[in-house]
Amino acid sequence: MTTPAFKTKAVDAPEVAAYWVERRRYLDRIRKVPEIRQRFWREVAIYLLRRLLWSFGFFPIFLTFWIPFVMASFNPVVLASDLIPLLEEFVNSNPEVQATTLSTLLIAWASVGFFFLVFDFVLTPFKSPYEYEADVYMRSWEQLNHDQLPDKV
């Protein structure tokens, strides 16, 4: 005869289904509210703008200055003395070399930006105001229907 190491309470499917049916019904209702729809699109725009600014603004620019600064042992004089000959060489080169250098820098900036953008989308997913409103509503719904629900929904 085998006995389980721990006892679990069986979750009744109709009670769990009632929770998800009510959540779905509430989400359908609030999707028709213009204020929440407007807040949803505003938050989508802010989320995308924030992700793009971090990925293409902060990270490539930070790495552009941080890596040479580390390689110069955090000494700005060494950094300047290393970079001045490179900048003079760029200025004195012909237009084809300048164009190639600029396109290479643009490709490097875009590749670093896209790399961070992908990971930024994965690490910081979008939080929908609809889901937030549904979570708040379902917490109150759980409290009102506490006697009818299983211990863990």
C-alpha atoms as a PDB file:
ATOM      1  CA  MET A   1       0.000   0.000   0.000  1.00  0.00           C
ATOM      2  CA  THR A   2       1.457   3.353  -1.052  1.00  0.00           C
ATOM      3  CA  THR A   3       0.602   6.620   0.604  1.00  0.00           C
ATOM      4  CA  PRO A   4       1.344  10.009  -0.920  1.00  0.00           C
ATOM      5  CA  ALA A   5       3.993  12.090   0.830  1.00  0.00           C
ATOM      6  CA  PHE A   6       1.657  15.070   0.878  1.00  0.00           C
ATOM      7  CA  LYS A   7      -2.070  15.532   0.589  1.00  0.00           C
ATOM      8  CA  THR A   8      -3.478  17.756  -2.121  1.00  0.00           C
ATOM      9  CA  LYS A   9      -6.974  19.046  -2.346  1.00  0.00           C
ATOM     10  CA  ALA A  10      -8.632  18.296  -5.662  1.00  0.00           C
ATOM     11  CA  VAL A  11      -9.585  21.389  -7.624  1.00  0.00           C
ATOM     12  CA  ASP A  12     -13.096  21.223  -8.968  1.00  0.00           C
ATOM     13  CA  ALA A  13     -13.090  22.058 -12.657  1.00  0.00           C
ATOM     14  CA  PRO A  14     -16.450  23.901 -12.656  1.00  0.00           C
ATOM     15  CA  GLU A  15     -15.204  26.365 -10.033  1.00  0.00           C
ATOM     16  CA  VAL A  16     -11.992  27.061 -11.931  1.00  0.00           C
ATOM     17  CA  ALA A  17     -13.923  27.319 -15.174  1.00  0.00           C
ATOM     18  CA  ALA A  18     -16.253  29.860 -13.545  1.00  0.00           C
ATOM     19  CA  TYR A  19     -13.228  32.035 -12.720  1.00  0.00           C
ATOM     20  CA  TRP A  20     -11.926  31.997 -16.297  1.00  0.00           C
ATOM     21  CA  VAL A  21     -15.392  32.460 -17.796  1.00  0.00           C
ATOM     22  CA  GLU A  22     -15.922  35.518 -15.595  1.00  0.00           C
ATOM     23  CA  ARG A  23     -12.461  36.874 -16.467  1.00  0.00           C
ATOM     24  CA  ARG A  24     -13.098  36.402 -20.192  1.00  0.00           C
ATOM     25  CA  ARG A  25     -16.522  38.038 -19.886  1.00  0.00           C
ATOM     26  CA  TYR A  26     -15.032  40.993 -18.010  1.00  0.00           C
ATOM     27  CA  LEU A  27     -12.236  41.402 -20.573  1.00  0.00           C
ATOM     28  CA  ASP A  28     -14.825  41.411 -23.385  1.00  0.00           C
ATOM     29  CA  ARG A  29     -16.771  44.111 -21.534  1.00  0.00           C
ATOM     30  CA  ILE A  30     -13.838  46.397 -20.834  1.00  0.00           C
ATOM     31  CA  ARG A  31     -12.440  46.131 -24.370  1.00  0.00           C
ATOM     32  CA  LYS A  32     -15.421  48.241 -25.424  1.00  0.00           C
ATOM     33  CA  VAL A  33     -14.611  51.079 -22.982  1.00  0.00           C
ATOM     34  CA  PRO A  34     -13.042  53.941 -24.996  1.00  0.00           C
ATOM     35  CA  GLU A  35     -10.942  55.290 -22.105  1.00  0.00           C
ATOM     36  CA  ILE A  36      -9.265  51.937 -21.499  1.00  0.00           C
ATOM     37  CA  ARG A  37      -8.784  51.365 -25.234  1.00  0.00           C
ATOM     38  CA  GLN A  38      -7.167  54.794 -25.508  1.00  0.00           C
ATOM     39  CA  ARG A  39      -4.962  54.029 -22.477  1.00  0.00           C
ATOM     40  CA  PHE A  40      -4.028  50.687 -24.072  1.00  0.00           C
ATOM     41  CA  TRP A  41      -2.794  52.308 -27.296  1.00  0.00           C
ATOM     42  CA  ARG A  42      -0.990  55.062 -25.382  1.00  0.00           C
ATOM     43  CA  GLU A  43       0.791  52.452 -23.238  1.00  0.00           C
ATOM     44  CA  VAL A  44       1.677  50.395 -26.346  1.00  0.00           C
ATOM     45  CA  ALA A  45       3.241  53.514 -27.917  1.00  0.00           C
ATOM     46  CA  ILE A  46       5.136  54.385 -24.722  1.00  0.00           C
ATOM     47  CA  TYR A  47       6.324  50.783 -24.339  1.00  0.00           C
ATOM     48  CA  LEU A  48       7.613  50.621 -27.929  1.00  0.00           C
ATOM     49  CA  LEU A  49       9.236  54.051 -27.723  1.00  0.00           C
ATOM     50  CA  ARG A  50      10.933  53.156 -24.439  1.00  0.00           C
ATOM     51  CA  ARG A  51      12.228  49.848 -25.823  1.00  0.00           C
ATOM     52  CA  LEU A  52      13.515  51.550 -29.010  1.00  0.00           C
ATOM     53  CA  LEU A  53      15.209  54.375 -27.097  1.00  0.00           C
ATOM     54  CA  TRP A  54      16.928  51.957 -24.712  1.00  0.00           C
ATOM     55  CA  SER A  55      17.970  49.566 -27.468  1.00  0.00           C
ATOM     56  CA  PHE A  56      19.092  52.060 -30.121  1.00  0.00           C
ATOM     57  CA  GLY A  57      19.893  55.054 -27.949  1.00  0.00           C
ATOM     58  CA  PHE A  58      21.377  54.079 -24.641  1.00  0.00           C
ATOM     59  CA  PHE A  59      23.061  50.708 -25.177  1.00  0.00           C
ATOM     60  CA  PRO A  60      24.997  51.378 -28.429  1.00  0.00           C
ATOM     61  CA  ILE A  61      26.084  54.826 -27.254  1.00  0.00           C
ATOM     62  CA  PHE A  62      27.050  53.485 -23.827  1.00  0.00           C
ATOM     63  CA  LEU A  63      29.089  50.656 -25.370  1.00  0.00           C
ATOM     64  CA  THR A  64      30.693  53.062 -27.857  1.00  0.00           C
ATOM     65  CA  PHE A  65      32.120  55.111 -25.016  1.00  0.00           C
ATOM     66  CA  TRP A  66      32.491  52.455 -22.328  1.00  0.00           C
ATOM     67  CA  ILE A  67      34.573  49.875 -24.211  1.00  0.00           C
ATOM     68  CA  PRO A  68      37.277  52.366 -25.334  1.00  0.00           C
ATOM     69  CA  PHE A  69      37.247  53.904 -21.854  1.00  0.00           C
ATOM     70  CA  VAL A  70      37.858  50.486 -20.269  1.00  0.00           C
ATOM     71  CA  MET A  71      40.568  49.720 -22.831  1.00  0.00           C
ATOM     72  CA  ALA A  72      42.236  53.022 -21.876  1.00  0.00           C
ATOM     73  CA  SER A  73      42.259  51.908 -18.213  1.00  0.00           C
ATOM     74  CA  PHE A  74      39.686  54.577 -17.317  1.00  0.00           C
ATOM     75  CA  ASN A  75      42.146  57.304 -18.189  1.00  0.00           C
ATOM     76  CA  PRO A  76      40.622  60.000 -20.428  1.00  0.00           C
ATOM     77  CA  VAL A  77      44.061  61.290 -21.468  1.00  0.00           C
ATOM     78  CA  VAL A  78      45.064  57.862 -22.784  1.00  0.00           C
ATOM     79  CA  LEU A  79      41.662  57.569 -24.470  1.00  0.00           C
ATOM     80  CA  ALA A  80      42.069  60.923 -26.203  1.00  0.00           C
ATOM     81  CA  SER A  81      45.636  60.200 -27.263  1.00  0.00           C
ATOM     82  CA  ASP A  82      44.483  56.875 -28.766  1.00  0.00           C
ATOM     83  CA  LEU A  83      41.481  58.355 -30.570  1.00  0.00           C
ATOM     84  CA  ILE A  84      42.967  61.582 -31.957  1.00  0.00           C
ATOM     85  CA  PRO A  85      45.182  59.792 -34.536  1.00  0.00           C
ATOM     86  CA  LEU A  86      42.185  57.661 -35.619  1.00  0.00           C
ATOM     87  CA  LEU A  87      40.025  60.764 -36.063  1.00  0.00           C
ATOM     88  CA  GLU A  88      42.798  62.589 -37.973  1.00  0.00           C
ATOM     89  CA  GLU A  89      43.201  59.562 -40.243  1.00  0.00           C
ATOM     90  CA  PHE A  90      39.427  59.522 -40.874  1.00  0.00           C
ATOM     91  CA  VAL A  91      39.316  63.240 -41.701  1.00  0.00           C
ATOM     92  CA  ASN A  92      42.333  63.013 -44.023  1.00  0.00           C
ATOM     93  CA  SER A  93      41.077  59.925 -45.881  1.00  0.00           C
ATOM     94  CA  ASN A  94      39.267  60.004 -49.222  1.00  0.00           C
ATOM     95  CA  PRO A  95      35.430  60.131 -49.382  1.00  0.00           C
ATOM     96  CA  GLU A  96      35.075  56.430 -50.246  1.00  0.00           C
ATOM     97  CA  VAL A  97      36.957  55.383 -47.111  1.00  0.00           C
ATOM     98  CA  GLN A  98      34.927  57.841 -45.041  1.00  0.00           C
ATOM     99  CA  ALA A  99      31.680  56.475 -46.481  1.00  0.00           C
ATOM    100  CA  THR A 100      32.777  52.894 -45.807  1.00  0.00           C
ATOM    101  CA  THR A 101      33.745  53.767 -42.238  1.00  0.00           C
ATOM    102  CA  LEU A 102      30.447  55.542 -41.599  1.00  0.00           C
ATOM    103  CA  SER A 103      28.420  52.691 -43.073  1.00  0.00           C
ATOM    104  CA  THR A 104      30.367  50.198 -40.961  1.00  0.00           C
ATOM    105  CA  LEU A 105      29.648  52.258 -37.841  1.00  0.00           C
ATOM    106  CA  LEU A 106      25.970  52.482 -38.804  1.00  0.00           C
ATOM    107  CA  ILE A 107      25.767  48.715 -39.309  1.00  0.00           C
ATOM    108  CA  ALA A 108      27.478  48.141 -35.942  1.00  0.00           C
ATOM    109  CA  TRP A 109      25.092  50.573 -34.219  1.00  0.00           C
ATOM    110  CA  ALA A 110      22.038  48.911 -35.808  1.00  0.00           C
ATOM    111  CA  SER A 111      23.231  45.385 -35.001  1.00  0.00           C
ATOM    112  CA  VAL A 112      23.880  46.247 -31.361  1.00  0.00           C
ATOM    113  CA  GLY A 113      20.505  48.009 -31.220  1.00  0.00           C
ATOM    114  CA  PHE A 114      18.615  45.050 -32.708  1.00  0.00           C
ATOM    115  CA  PHE A 115      20.442  42.631 -30.426  1.00  0.00           C
ATOM    116  CA  PHE A 116      19.377  44.594 -27.351  1.00  0.00           C
ATOM    117  CA  LEU A 117      15.881  45.163 -28.764  1.00  0.00           C
ATOM    118  CA  VAL A 118      15.209  41.436 -29.067  1.00  0.00           C
ATOM    119  CA  PHE A 119      16.385  40.749 -25.542  1.00  0.00           C
ATOM    120  CA  ASP A 120      14.581  43.822 -24.232  1.00  0.00           C
ATOM    121  CA  PHE A 121      11.282  42.549 -25.649  1.00  0.00           C
ATOM    122  CA  VAL A 122      11.917  39.153 -24.054  1.00  0.00           C
ATOM    123  CA  LEU A 123      13.020  40.482 -20.674  1.00  0.00           C
ATOM    124  CA  THR A 124      10.404  43.227 -20.323  1.00  0.00           C
ATOM    125  CA  PRO A 125       7.120  42.058 -21.830  1.00  0.00           C
ATOM    126  CA  PHE A 126       4.243  44.467 -22.371  1.00  0.00           C
ATOM    127  CA  LYS A 127       1.804  44.783 -19.481  1.00  0.00           C
ATOM    128  CA  SER A 128      -1.640  45.390 -20.888  1.00  0.00           C
ATOM    129  CA  PRO A 129      -3.984  47.722 -18.999  1.00  0.00           C
ATOM    130  CA  TYR A 130      -6.768  45.271 -19.871  1.00  0.00           C
ATOM    131  CA  GLU A 131      -4.986  42.511 -17.992  1.00  0.00           C
ATOM    132  CA  TYR A 132      -4.320  44.829 -15.063  1.00  0.00           C
ATOM    133  CA  GLU A 133      -7.978  45.849 -14.879  1.00  0.00           C
ATOM    134  CA  ALA A 134      -9.019  42.192 -15.148  1.00  0.00           C
ATOM    135  CA  ASP A 135      -6.626  41.223 -12.341  1.00  0.00           C
ATOM    136  CA  VAL A 136      -8.054  43.897 -10.060  1.00  0.00           C
ATOM    137  CA  TYR A 137     -11.616  42.891 -10.911  1.00  0.00           C
ATOM    138  CA  MET A 138     -10.904  39.190 -10.419  1.00  0.00           C
ATOM    139  CA  ARG A 139      -9.369  39.807  -6.997  1.00  0.00           C
ATOM    140  CA  SER A 140     -12.585  41.451  -5.880  1.00  0.00           C
ATOM    141  CA  TRP A 141     -14.612  38.730  -7.627  1.00  0.00           C
ATOM    142  CA  GLU A 142     -12.619  36.079  -5.742  1.00  0.00           C
ATOM    143  CA  GLN A 143     -13.343  37.811  -2.448  1.00  0.00           C
ATOM    144  CA  LEU A 144     -17.055  37.974  -3.223  1.00  0.00           C
ATOM    145  CA  ASN A 145     -17.142  34.327  -4.313  1.00  0.00           C
ATOM    146  CA  HIS A 146     -14.584  33.026  -1.804  1.00  0.00           C
ATOM    147  CA  ASP A 147     -16.870  30.341  -0.431  1.00  0.00           C
ATOM    148  CA  GLN A 148     -17.499  28.892  -3.888  1.00  0.00           C
ATOM    149  CA  LEU A 149     -13.860  28.732  -5.074  1.00  0.00           C
ATOM    150  CA  PRO A 150     -11.170  26.152  -4.298  1.00  0.00           C
ATOM    151  CA  ASP A 151      -8.188  27.122  -2.138  1.00  0.00           C
ATOM    152  CA  LYS A 152      -5.849  27.952  -5.025  1.00  0.00           C
ATOM    153  CA  VAL A 153      -7.233  29.279  -8.279  1.00  0.00           C
END
